Amino acid sequence: MQSKYIWQYDFSGRYDLVRFIKEIQVQGLYVCLRIGPYIESEWTYGGFPFWLHDVPAIVYRTDNQPFKLYMQNFTTKIVSMMQSEGLYASQGGPIILSQIENEYQNVEKAFGEDGSRYVQWAAEMAVGLKTGVPWLMCKQTDAPDPLINTCNGMRCGETFTGPNSPNKPAFWTENWTSFYQVYGGEPYIRSAEDIAFHVTLFIARKNGSYVNYYMYHGGTNLGRTSSSYVITSYYDQAPLDEYGLLRQPKWGHLKELHAAIKSCSTTLLEGKQSNFSLGQLQEGYVFEEEGKCVAFLVNNDHVKMFTVQFRNRSYELPSKSISILPDCQNVTFNTATVNTKSNRRMTSTIQTFSSADKWEQFQDVIPNFDQTTLISNSLLEQMNVTKDKSDYLWYTLRFEHNLSCSESKLTAQSAAHVTHAFADGTYLGGAHGSHDVKSFTTQVPLKLNEGTNNISILSVMVGLPDAGAFLERRFAGLTAVEIQCSEESYDLTNSTWGYQVGLLGEQLEIYEEKSNSSIQWSPLGNTCNQTLTWYKTAFDSPKGDEPVALNLESMGKGQAWVNGESIGRYWISFHDSKGQPSQTLYHVPRSFLKDIGNSLVLFEEEGGNPLHISLDTISSTNIS
């Protein structure tokens, strides 16, 4: 089967995968290359390019010829790049493992026998590339030989059913140090003690020989890369936070654990494992070989300390803890005994942006039906229209009204994420859904004019979906629209609608550092309740090397750019259950900055005030 689609790979700049792998090798580290190509990872569309959606007859992640063609092409490309640079361990490189697919068993049943055939095909295809290193399938208990089935989660020492063949090792490919956060949600705080307990339990109970933290270093979902409702900051509670700062005591406690495990790693890998009871909720694991001995003493009681007897000695075990004895006598580490001091993150305001004369603004245009070129007699699915080129899709309608109407309402049902409704250019109001509520209704008062009324509804996506079976069939956008006029109701769902993809400012690339000279920026006016407005100013880079962030607490919802580089979406107005924004600080990588004259552009949907934002630096200090 030949592809009519022309592949366009981009490995330039920060997409330079080969350079990244080589830097890992320079730093003395190893690589597990998780190729996917489906990755989920809270990445928009699970990592797939949206054009894949338009391949005729395609069904993702199953025994489907079009999908398998593109999957094989991509996998082969990545493997060939690594091989040509000698980057696999079999060539002397740092790549010791590779992964194909990702948590497929979560969706496999939806595809029936086609799913089973796909798993077998993916395994054979990967092995056939002859990398010289093992391949993995995570959360896939029936991973075909020789692929290694692995565990993902927070408690793999308890949940992992084990390798599906006696010649395979026990691997933990994702130990979640926190959890991704969504707009309207709160951060998930996982303690250093809990992470250490479950890492140690996995090694002791499951004979685990590989633990990969997801994530060990937090990150930033720059641009429009995050999936539906996922905030721009990613796994900020990791041992190294979003800014690369140590999050203590998590980082230090795990460092001590790693040192304890490494001190006896040979015995753990080569020794014979045995286990025994030390009490109703207590147990022990011993690894022995050639006169060497390692012991793990486990207290599974979440409340009480317990004293156990082991080889004629007494050991006090704190509640829910494991003691490591690298010589079966002396405790060098206990998972609940934290010696590292805690720290806290600090922000320092370097610059405010309160001078109105330093700002310019550009009012985006609200299109009406006559200004659109795409026409349909139905409500079109949003992703298929935008092709992921923009978060925004305008639905426009010309509504003729000649009846007396004292009260009227516009109601729109949506399977997207946000709507903003306008009538004849006037903002009526909006609504939004949430990560757990897949559809929502916008209902706003509407003053109808006699004759022609121009209805414009801006439908907004905050990332594409990233998980589940049949991703190519997902629906987003408006699903029903009606106008209620006193006792009458007008169903507009199958009326003639006009469409515009994106915003005028996006078409003009107004966010670029050297934007179109024809763009007419205006002096900053009244910032109160200004919807769909672009704001522009400049700032100098803070001195030093501390991480930099924008505090956007006074804004509503939109996107931000620094020197033409998107630093992601913001959504300050979406509060959590405690009435607080899910994120107010937005990371500005120093690599994006110049010493002086940096351009800052904000696009504000809802009416936030740019005069109260600030430029901050981030640091940490120990808590005494």
Foldseek 3Di string as FASTA:
>chain_A
DDDPDDDDDDCPDPNVPVVVQVVCVVVVAADAAEPACQQLQLWFQSNDQLVLLVDPPDFEQWLGVSNVVVLLVSLLVVLVVCVVVQQEVVSVHRYQEYEYHELLVVFLVVHPPRSVVSLVVRLVSNVVSPSVHAYEYENDQPRDPPHWYAYAEQACLPPPPATNDPVHAYEYAENECWAFAFWQGATGHDDLLSSLLRVVSCCFRRLHDYYQYDPQAWAAQFDLTGAFRTDGTGPQNHCQGHQRHGFPPNVVQVVLSVVLCVVQVVQSNPFDWDKDAFDPQKIKIWGDDDQAIKMKIFGAAQQQWDWGDFPNDIDIAGHGWIFIDRRSPDTSDISPDGPIFGKDKDKDFDWFQQDLQQKWKDFWDQDAQVPFDDKALAWDFPCVVQSPPFQKKKKKDKDADADDFPWKKKKWKWQAFKKWKDKPRHTFDMDGDTPVGRMDMDMGTDDDDHTIIMIMMMGGHSGHRSDHGRSSPDGTTIDWMWMDGPPDIGTRRRHMIGMDHDIPCVVQLVQALDTDPVRDIHRDDDLAFRFFMKMKGWWFDDPDDFWKWKQQLQAAWWWKHKNSITQGTAHQNRHYPVRGTNDGITTDGCVSHDRTTIMMMTTGGTRGDSSGMGMIGMDMDGDD
